[in-house]
N, C-alpha and C. Protein backbone atom coordinates (compact mmCIF):
# COMPACT_ATOMS: atom_id res chain seq x y z
N MET A 1 234.30 260.67 -127.12
CA MET A 1 233.33 261.39 -127.32
C MET A 1 233.27 260.70 -129.04
N LEU A 2 232.08 261.39 -129.74
CA LEU A 2 231.68 260.52 -131.01
C LEU A 2 231.81 261.61 -132.04
N LEU A 3 233.04 261.52 -132.74
CA LEU A 3 233.00 263.01 -133.85
C LEU A 3 231.45 261.65 -135.12
N ASP A 4 230.56 263.32 -135.42
CA ASP A 4 230.07 263.01 -136.14
C ASP A 4 229.84 264.46 -137.28
N ARG A 5 230.33 264.07 -138.31
CA ARG A 5 230.29 265.83 -138.98
C ARG A 5 229.00 265.31 -139.83
N MET A 6 228.85 266.76 -139.84
CA MET A 6 227.59 266.81 -140.44
C MET A 6 227.32 267.90 -141.55
N THR A 7 227.06 268.22 -142.83
CA THR A 7 226.45 269.54 -143.74
C THR A 7 225.28 269.85 -143.76
N ILE A 8 224.95 270.52 -143.47
CA ILE A 8 223.53 271.71 -143.49
C ILE A 8 223.23 272.09 -144.65
N THR A 9 221.79 270.55 -145.08
CA THR A 9 221.44 270.68 -146.66
C THR A 9 220.20 271.27 -147.07
N ARG A 10 219.64 271.81 -145.88
CA ARG A 10 218.73 272.71 -145.46
C ARG A 10 218.42 273.65 -144.50
N LEU A 11 217.79 274.23 -145.33
CA LEU A 11 217.06 275.74 -143.61
C LEU A 11 216.51 276.78 -143.86
N ASP A 12 215.23 275.87 -143.49
CA ASP A 12 214.07 276.82 -143.55
C ASP A 12 213.29 277.48 -142.11
N PRO A 13 213.55 278.97 -142.23
CA PRO A 13 213.59 279.47 -140.82
C PRO A 13 211.70 279.30 -140.54
N PRO A 14 211.20 279.16 -139.53
CA PRO A 14 210.01 279.81 -139.71
C PRO A 14 209.64 280.43 -139.90
N VAL A 15 208.24 280.86 -140.25
CA VAL A 15 207.78 281.24 -141.41
C VAL A 15 205.99 281.67 -141.04
N ASP A 16 205.67 282.58 -140.14
CA ASP A 16 203.72 282.92 -140.75
C ASP A 16 203.40 281.34 -139.93
N GLY A 17 203.81 281.01 -139.05
CA GLY A 17 203.39 279.52 -138.12
C GLY A 17 203.65 278.17 -138.92
N ARG A 18 204.45 278.72 -139.70
CA ARG A 18 205.07 277.13 -140.22
C ARG A 18 206.53 276.68 -139.58
N ALA A 19 206.41 275.52 -139.30
CA ALA A 19 207.49 275.19 -138.57
C ALA A 19 209.03 275.71 -139.63
N GLY A 20 210.26 275.66 -138.53
CA GLY A 20 211.22 276.12 -139.01
C GLY A 20 211.42 274.34 -139.07
N VAL A 21 212.73 274.42 -140.38
CA VAL A 21 213.36 272.94 -140.97
C VAL A 21 214.98 272.87 -141.05
N ALA A 22 215.37 272.45 -140.62
CA ALA A 22 216.77 271.80 -140.85
C ALA A 22 217.19 270.47 -141.52
N GLY A 23 217.91 270.17 -142.24
CA GLY A 23 218.33 268.81 -142.96
C GLY A 23 219.63 269.06 -143.14
N PHE A 24 220.54 267.73 -142.56
CA PHE A 24 221.54 267.10 -142.40
C PHE A 24 222.17 266.54 -143.44
N GLU A 25 222.88 265.99 -143.83
CA GLU A 25 223.65 264.82 -144.30
C GLU A 25 224.99 264.76 -143.48
N LYS A 26 224.89 263.13 -143.09
CA LYS A 26 225.98 263.09 -141.64
C LYS A 26 227.19 262.12 -142.53
N ARG A 27 227.96 262.67 -142.46
CA ARG A 27 229.54 262.23 -143.41
C ARG A 27 230.56 261.66 -143.11
N GLY A 28 230.16 261.15 -141.62
CA GLY A 28 230.88 260.06 -140.84
C GLY A 28 232.37 260.75 -140.14
N PRO A 29 232.69 259.98 -139.44
CA PRO A 29 233.48 258.69 -140.55
C PRO A 29 233.10 257.74 -139.97
N LEU A 30 232.22 257.93 -138.66
CA LEU A 30 231.21 256.65 -138.21
C LEU A 30 230.25 256.68 -138.28
N LEU A 31 228.95 257.65 -138.79
CA LEU A 31 227.70 257.74 -139.02
C LEU A 31 227.58 258.04 -140.25
N LEU A 32 226.98 257.57 -141.32
CA LEU A 32 226.63 258.53 -142.24
C LEU A 32 224.82 258.12 -142.28
N GLY A 33 224.70 259.35 -143.30
CA GLY A 33 223.07 259.67 -143.74
C GLY A 33 222.62 260.50 -143.40
N ARG A 34 221.04 260.72 -143.20
CA ARG A 34 220.51 261.98 -143.65
C ARG A 34 219.67 262.39 -142.15
N ALA A 35 219.37 263.41 -141.48
CA ALA A 35 217.93 263.47 -140.77
C ALA A 35 218.04 265.33 -141.19
N LEU A 36 216.55 264.92 -140.58
CA LEU A 36 215.57 266.27 -140.97
C LEU A 36 215.12 266.69 -139.74
N ILE A 37 215.41 268.04 -139.30
CA ILE A 37 214.62 268.15 -137.94
C ILE A 37 213.77 269.46 -137.86
N ALA A 38 212.20 269.83 -137.57
CA ALA A 38 211.72 270.70 -137.93
C ALA A 38 210.65 270.84 -136.46
N VAL A 39 210.78 272.43 -136.36
CA VAL A 39 210.47 272.80 -135.20
C VAL A 39 209.59 273.76 -135.20
N ARG A 40 208.21 273.82 -134.37
CA ARG A 40 207.46 274.79 -134.78
C ARG A 40 207.01 275.08 -133.54
N ALA A 41 206.08 276.26 -133.10
CA ALA A 41 205.33 276.72 -131.63
C ALA A 41 204.20 276.34 -131.81
N ASP A 42 203.81 276.06 -130.50
CA ASP A 42 202.92 275.68 -130.25
C ASP A 42 202.24 276.10 -128.78
N GLY A 43 202.04 277.38 -128.73
CA GLY A 43 201.33 278.19 -127.61
C GLY A 43 202.56 278.05 -126.93
N ASP A 44 202.60 278.00 -125.64
CA ASP A 44 203.89 278.12 -124.93
C ASP A 44 204.85 277.20 -124.90
N VAL A 45 204.74 276.35 -125.66
CA VAL A 45 205.94 274.96 -125.98
C VAL A 45 206.30 275.19 -127.51
N ALA A 46 207.52 273.96 -128.02
CA ALA A 46 207.76 273.87 -128.82
C ALA A 46 207.64 272.32 -129.35
N ARG A 47 206.80 272.03 -130.40
CA ARG A 47 207.12 270.99 -130.86
C ARG A 47 207.94 270.18 -132.44
N VAL A 48 208.61 269.12 -131.73
CA VAL A 48 209.87 268.79 -132.18
C VAL A 48 209.79 267.27 -133.17
N LEU A 49 209.81 267.71 -134.63
CA LEU A 49 209.61 266.28 -135.05
C LEU A 49 211.67 266.02 -135.67
N TRP A 50 211.76 264.97 -135.35
CA TRP A 50 213.53 264.58 -135.99
C TRP A 50 213.47 263.42 -136.00
N LEU A 51 213.30 263.47 -137.39
CA LEU A 51 213.65 261.95 -138.82
C LEU A 51 215.13 262.02 -138.74
N GLU A 52 215.44 260.69 -139.22
CA GLU A 52 216.95 260.48 -138.91
C GLU A 52 216.90 259.15 -140.11
N ASP A 53 217.94 258.80 -140.90
CA ASP A 53 217.99 257.82 -141.80
C ASP A 53 219.93 257.69 -141.39
N VAL A 54 220.00 256.83 -140.77
CA VAL A 54 221.44 257.21 -140.50
C VAL A 54 222.15 255.17 -140.37
N HIS A 55 223.32 255.20 -140.79
CA HIS A 55 224.04 253.77 -140.45
C HIS A 55 225.50 253.92 -140.55
N LEU A 56 225.77 252.80 -139.89
CA LEU A 56 227.38 252.71 -139.63
C LEU A 56 228.14 252.81 -140.70
N ALA A 57 229.36 253.37 -140.87
CA ALA A 57 229.34 253.59 -142.24
C ALA A 57 230.67 252.10 -142.11
N GLY A 58 230.54 251.54 -143.54
CA GLY A 58 231.60 250.26 -143.97
C GLY A 58 230.56 248.97 -143.75
N LEU A 59 229.70 248.99 -143.08
CA LEU A 59 228.59 248.02 -142.57
C LEU A 59 227.76 247.87 -143.62
N PRO A 60 226.94 247.35 -144.20
CA PRO A 60 225.70 247.08 -144.74
C PRO A 60 224.23 247.68 -143.73
N PRO A 61 223.76 248.81 -144.79
CA PRO A 61 223.26 249.66 -143.95
C PRO A 61 221.66 249.31 -143.33
N ALA A 62 220.73 247.96 -144.15
CA ALA A 62 220.00 247.77 -143.36
C ALA A 62 220.53 247.04 -141.82
N LEU A 63 221.05 246.48 -142.02
CA LEU A 63 221.54 245.25 -140.62
C LEU A 63 221.59 246.66 -139.58
N THR A 64 223.09 248.09 -139.90
CA THR A 64 223.03 248.69 -138.90
C THR A 64 222.00 250.04 -138.11
N ARG A 65 220.86 249.97 -139.17
CA ARG A 65 220.26 251.02 -139.15
C ARG A 65 219.37 250.30 -138.00
N VAL A 66 218.63 249.09 -137.87
CA VAL A 66 218.55 248.27 -136.90
C VAL A 66 218.83 248.58 -135.62
N VAL A 67 219.93 248.20 -135.50
CA VAL A 67 221.28 248.19 -134.24
C VAL A 67 221.45 249.48 -133.71
N LEU A 68 221.36 251.06 -134.78
CA LEU A 68 221.20 252.12 -134.68
C LEU A 68 219.97 252.86 -133.52
N ARG A 69 219.16 252.03 -133.69
CA ARG A 69 218.05 253.00 -133.68
C ARG A 69 217.59 253.19 -132.44
N PRO A 70 217.67 252.36 -131.28
CA PRO A 70 217.64 253.14 -129.93
C PRO A 70 218.76 253.88 -129.69
N VAL A 71 219.69 253.66 -130.03
CA VAL A 71 221.28 254.09 -129.52
C VAL A 71 220.67 256.13 -130.34
N LEU A 72 220.38 255.68 -131.45
CA LEU A 72 220.13 257.25 -131.89
C LEU A 72 218.82 257.75 -131.09
N ALA A 73 217.57 257.29 -130.86
CA ALA A 73 216.38 258.01 -129.84
C ALA A 73 216.90 258.09 -128.89
N GLY A 74 218.05 257.78 -128.45
CA GLY A 74 218.66 257.80 -126.96
C GLY A 74 219.21 259.37 -127.07
N MET A 75 219.88 259.60 -128.17
CA MET A 75 220.48 260.98 -128.53
C MET A 75 219.91 261.52 -128.56
N ALA A 76 218.85 261.44 -129.35
CA ALA A 76 217.98 262.59 -129.77
C ALA A 76 217.49 262.65 -128.75
N ALA A 77 216.96 262.23 -127.44
CA ALA A 77 216.27 262.18 -126.19
C ALA A 77 217.39 262.99 -125.23
N LEU A 78 218.36 263.09 -126.01
CA LEU A 78 219.46 263.51 -124.56
C LEU A 78 219.46 264.72 -124.88
N ALA A 79 219.52 265.29 -126.86
CA ALA A 79 219.66 266.46 -127.16
C ALA A 79 218.31 267.01 -127.23
N LEU A 80 217.78 266.61 -126.58
CA LEU A 80 216.25 267.64 -126.64
C LEU A 80 216.08 268.42 -125.14
N ARG A 81 216.41 267.09 -124.38
CA ARG A 81 216.51 267.68 -123.00
C ARG A 81 217.70 268.67 -122.57
N ALA A 82 218.69 268.86 -123.07
CA ALA A 82 220.02 270.29 -123.12
C ALA A 82 219.28 270.88 -123.76
N VAL A 83 218.23 270.97 -124.79
CA VAL A 83 217.84 272.33 -125.43
C VAL A 83 216.49 273.10 -124.51
N ARG A 84 216.21 271.86 -123.42
CA ARG A 84 215.24 272.29 -122.53
C ARG A 84 215.40 273.19 -121.34
N ARG A 85 216.68 272.34 -120.68
CA ARG A 85 217.33 272.72 -120.06
C ARG A 85 218.15 274.30 -120.34
N GLU A 86 218.83 274.68 -121.72
CA GLU A 86 219.05 275.70 -122.02
C GLU A 86 218.13 276.88 -122.21
N LEU A 87 216.78 276.72 -122.30
CA LEU A 87 216.27 277.20 -122.84
C LEU A 87 215.27 278.18 -121.19
N ARG A 88 214.76 276.70 -120.49
CA ARG A 88 214.92 277.06 -119.31
C ARG A 88 215.51 278.03 -118.20
N GLY A 89 216.96 277.48 -118.49
CA GLY A 89 217.89 278.49 -117.83
C GLY A 89 217.68 280.10 -118.81
N ALA A 90 217.67 280.62 -120.08
CA ALA A 90 217.56 281.79 -120.60
C ALA A 90 216.53 283.05 -120.21
N GLY A 91 215.24 281.59 -119.72
CA GLY A 91 213.90 282.12 -119.78
C GLY A 91 214.32 282.98 -118.18
N ARG A 92 214.96 282.18 -117.27
CA ARG A 92 214.65 282.72 -115.55
C ARG A 92 215.92 283.76 -116.06
N SER A 93 216.94 284.01 -116.92
CA SER A 93 217.88 285.06 -117.07
C SER A 93 217.30 286.26 -117.66
N ALA A 94 216.30 286.16 -117.92
CA ALA A 94 215.61 287.25 -118.97
C ALA A 94 214.75 288.39 -118.06
């Protein structure tokens, strides 16, 4: 399992049709950097903007950003699929 410590640096709930936004500072020990996730309602679905500027600790950021890009994209896709499954399950039990 990957230990990915983060501190929440921003937390804006959705208001009046605007997106809810959360910002994170990645604190290691392996990954360092920042992430921002914005979620807004769009009819019956939610739209998600997920941005990350992440690198490996102890190595040149410019090099490791390139190497991490596909790994982080895969991790984000897995996280979003898990959220989708959870929300669909919650809708059935309501």
